[in-house]
């Protein structure tokens, strides 16, 4: 059963946001600012893609 492009993108965004949150938690525990910064960037990227998808769906619907 082939996976649609929308599901692939959704899975990618969810995994990226979860990885960002994991990096933030791990960086805070180790007091590693570089790791926390990478986590923040990954989390913000995931949130931005989610918001853009929601806005696109709202204009189509």
N, C-alpha and C. Protein backbone atom coordinates (compact mmCIF):
# COMPACT_ATOMS: atom_id res chain seq x y z
N UNK A 1 0.84 -1.17 0.00
CA UNK A 1 0.00 0.00 0.00
C UNK A 1 0.89 1.24 0.00
N UNK A 2 0.85 2.05 -1.07
CA UNK A 2 1.69 3.24 -1.14
C UNK A 2 1.23 4.33 -0.16
N UNK A 3 2.18 5.08 0.33
CA UNK A 3 1.90 6.16 1.28
C UNK A 3 1.83 7.47 0.49
N UNK A 4 0.81 8.26 0.76
CA UNK A 4 0.65 9.51 0.02
C UNK A 4 1.70 10.52 0.45
N UNK A 5 1.92 11.53 -0.40
CA UNK A 5 2.89 12.57 -0.12
C UNK A 5 2.52 13.36 1.13
N UNK A 6 1.23 13.56 1.35
CA UNK A 6 0.78 14.32 2.53
C UNK A 6 1.13 13.57 3.80
N UNK A 7 0.92 12.27 3.81
CA UNK A 7 1.24 11.47 5.01
C UNK A 7 2.75 11.43 5.24
N UNK A 8 3.54 11.36 4.17
CA UNK A 8 4.99 11.38 4.33
C UNK A 8 5.45 12.69 4.94
N UNK A 9 4.91 13.80 4.46
CA UNK A 9 5.29 15.11 4.99
C UNK A 9 4.86 15.25 6.44
N UNK A 10 3.65 14.78 6.75
CA UNK A 10 3.16 14.84 8.13
C UNK A 10 4.06 14.04 9.06
N UNK A 11 4.43 12.85 8.65
CA UNK A 11 5.30 12.01 9.45
C UNK A 11 6.67 12.67 9.64
N UNK A 12 7.19 13.25 8.59
CA UNK A 12 8.48 13.93 8.65
C UNK A 12 8.44 15.11 9.62
N UNK A 13 7.36 15.89 9.57
CA UNK A 13 7.23 17.05 10.45
C UNK A 13 7.09 16.62 11.90
N UNK A 14 6.29 15.60 12.16
CA UNK A 14 6.10 15.12 13.53
C UNK A 14 7.40 14.57 14.10
N UNK A 15 8.12 13.79 13.32
CA UNK A 15 9.39 13.24 13.79
C UNK A 15 10.40 14.36 14.02
N UNK A 16 10.44 15.35 13.13
CA UNK A 16 11.36 16.48 13.30
C UNK A 16 11.06 17.30 14.53
N UNK A 17 9.77 17.55 14.79
CA UNK A 17 9.39 18.31 15.97
C UNK A 17 9.70 17.52 17.25
N UNK A 18 9.46 16.22 17.23
CA UNK A 18 9.79 15.39 18.39
C UNK A 18 11.30 15.36 18.64
N UNK A 19 12.06 15.30 17.56
CA UNK A 19 13.52 15.33 17.70
C UNK A 19 13.98 16.67 18.27
N UNK A 20 13.34 17.75 17.83
CA UNK A 20 13.67 19.07 18.37
C UNK A 20 13.40 19.16 19.86
N UNK A 21 12.26 18.65 20.28
CA UNK A 21 11.92 18.64 21.70
C UNK A 21 12.91 17.78 22.49
N UNK A 22 13.29 16.64 21.94
CA UNK A 22 14.28 15.78 22.59
C UNK A 22 15.63 16.49 22.73
N UNK A 23 16.04 17.22 21.69
CA UNK A 23 17.30 17.95 21.75
C UNK A 23 17.25 19.05 22.81
N UNK A 24 16.12 19.72 22.93
CA UNK A 24 15.98 20.76 23.95
C UNK A 24 16.10 20.15 25.34
N UNK A 25 15.42 19.06 25.58
CA UNK A 25 15.46 18.41 26.90
C UNK A 25 16.86 17.90 27.20
N UNK A 26 17.48 17.25 26.23
CA UNK A 26 18.83 16.72 26.43
C UNK A 26 19.84 17.85 26.62
N UNK A 27 19.70 18.91 25.84
CA UNK A 27 20.61 20.05 25.97
C UNK A 27 20.45 20.77 27.29
N UNK A 28 19.24 20.85 27.80
CA UNK A 28 19.01 21.50 29.09
C UNK A 28 19.62 20.66 30.22
N UNK A 29 19.51 19.36 30.11
CA UNK A 29 20.08 18.49 31.13
C UNK A 29 21.59 18.54 31.15
N UNK A 30 22.20 18.65 29.99
CA UNK A 30 23.66 18.68 29.87
C UNK A 30 24.21 20.11 29.90
N UNK A 31 23.32 21.09 29.93
CA UNK A 31 23.68 22.51 29.83
C UNK A 31 24.49 22.78 28.57
N UNK A 32 24.04 22.19 27.46
CA UNK A 32 24.68 22.35 26.16
C UNK A 32 23.83 23.30 25.33
N UNK A 33 24.32 24.51 25.15
CA UNK A 33 23.55 25.54 24.45
C UNK A 33 23.43 25.26 22.95
N UNK A 34 24.42 24.62 22.37
CA UNK A 34 24.37 24.30 20.94
C UNK A 34 23.27 23.28 20.68
N UNK A 35 23.17 22.28 21.53
CA UNK A 35 22.14 21.25 21.37
C UNK A 35 20.75 21.84 21.59
N UNK A 36 20.63 22.73 22.56
CA UNK A 36 19.33 23.39 22.79
C UNK A 36 18.96 24.27 21.59
N UNK A 37 19.95 24.96 21.02
CA UNK A 37 19.69 25.79 19.84
C UNK A 37 19.22 24.97 18.65
N UNK A 38 19.87 23.83 18.45
CA UNK A 38 19.46 22.94 17.35
C UNK A 38 18.04 22.43 17.58
N UNK A 39 17.73 22.13 18.82
CA UNK A 39 16.38 21.67 19.16
C UNK A 39 15.34 22.73 18.92
N UNK A 40 15.66 23.97 19.29
CA UNK A 40 14.73 25.07 19.07
C UNK A 40 14.49 25.28 17.58
N UNK A 41 15.54 25.23 16.78
CA UNK A 41 15.39 25.40 15.33
C UNK A 41 14.54 24.28 14.73
N UNK A 42 14.77 23.05 15.15
CA UNK A 42 13.98 21.92 14.63
C UNK A 42 12.52 22.05 15.05
N UNK A 43 12.29 22.44 16.29
CA UNK A 43 10.92 22.58 16.78
C UNK A 43 10.21 23.73 16.07
N UNK A 44 10.90 24.85 15.87
CA UNK A 44 10.28 25.98 15.16
C UNK A 44 10.00 25.63 13.70
N UNK A 45 10.88 24.87 13.07
CA UNK A 45 10.64 24.44 11.70
C UNK A 45 9.41 23.55 11.59
N UNK A 46 9.26 22.64 12.54
CA UNK A 46 8.08 21.77 12.55
C UNK A 46 6.80 22.55 12.78
N UNK A 47 6.85 23.51 13.70
CA UNK A 47 5.67 24.33 13.97
C UNK A 47 5.32 25.21 12.77
N UNK A 48 6.34 25.76 12.10
CA UNK A 48 6.09 26.60 10.93
C UNK A 48 5.43 25.80 9.81
N UNK A 49 5.93 24.59 9.57
CA UNK A 49 5.32 23.75 8.52
C UNK A 49 3.89 23.36 8.89
N UNK A 50 3.66 23.11 10.17
CA UNK A 50 2.30 22.77 10.61
C UNK A 50 1.36 23.94 10.40
N UNK A 51 1.78 25.13 10.78
CA UNK A 51 0.93 26.32 10.62
C UNK A 51 0.67 26.63 9.14
N UNK A 52 1.69 26.44 8.30
CA UNK A 52 1.49 26.68 6.87
C UNK A 52 0.50 25.68 6.28
N UNK A 53 0.58 24.43 6.72
CA UNK A 53 -0.36 23.42 6.22
C UNK A 53 -1.78 23.73 6.69
N UNK A 54 -1.92 24.19 7.92
CA UNK A 54 -3.25 24.54 8.43
C UNK A 54 -3.83 25.73 7.67
N UNK A 55 -3.01 26.72 7.37
CA UNK A 55 -3.48 27.88 6.63
C UNK A 55 -3.87 27.50 5.20
N UNK A 56 -3.12 26.61 4.60
CA UNK A 56 -3.43 26.16 3.24
C UNK A 56 -4.73 25.38 3.22
N UNK A 57 -4.94 24.54 4.21
CA UNK A 57 -6.18 23.76 4.28
C UNK A 57 -7.38 24.69 4.49
N UNK A 58 -7.19 25.74 5.29
CA UNK A 58 -8.28 26.67 5.56
C UNK A 58 -8.68 27.44 4.30
N UNK A 59 -7.71 27.80 3.45
CA UNK A 59 -8.04 28.53 2.23
C UNK A 59 -8.69 27.62 1.20
N UNK A 60 -8.36 26.35 1.20
CA UNK A 60 -8.96 25.41 0.25
C UNK A 60 -10.36 25.01 0.64
N UNK A 61 -10.60 24.90 1.96
CA UNK A 61 -11.88 24.39 2.45
C UNK A 61 -12.96 25.41 2.34
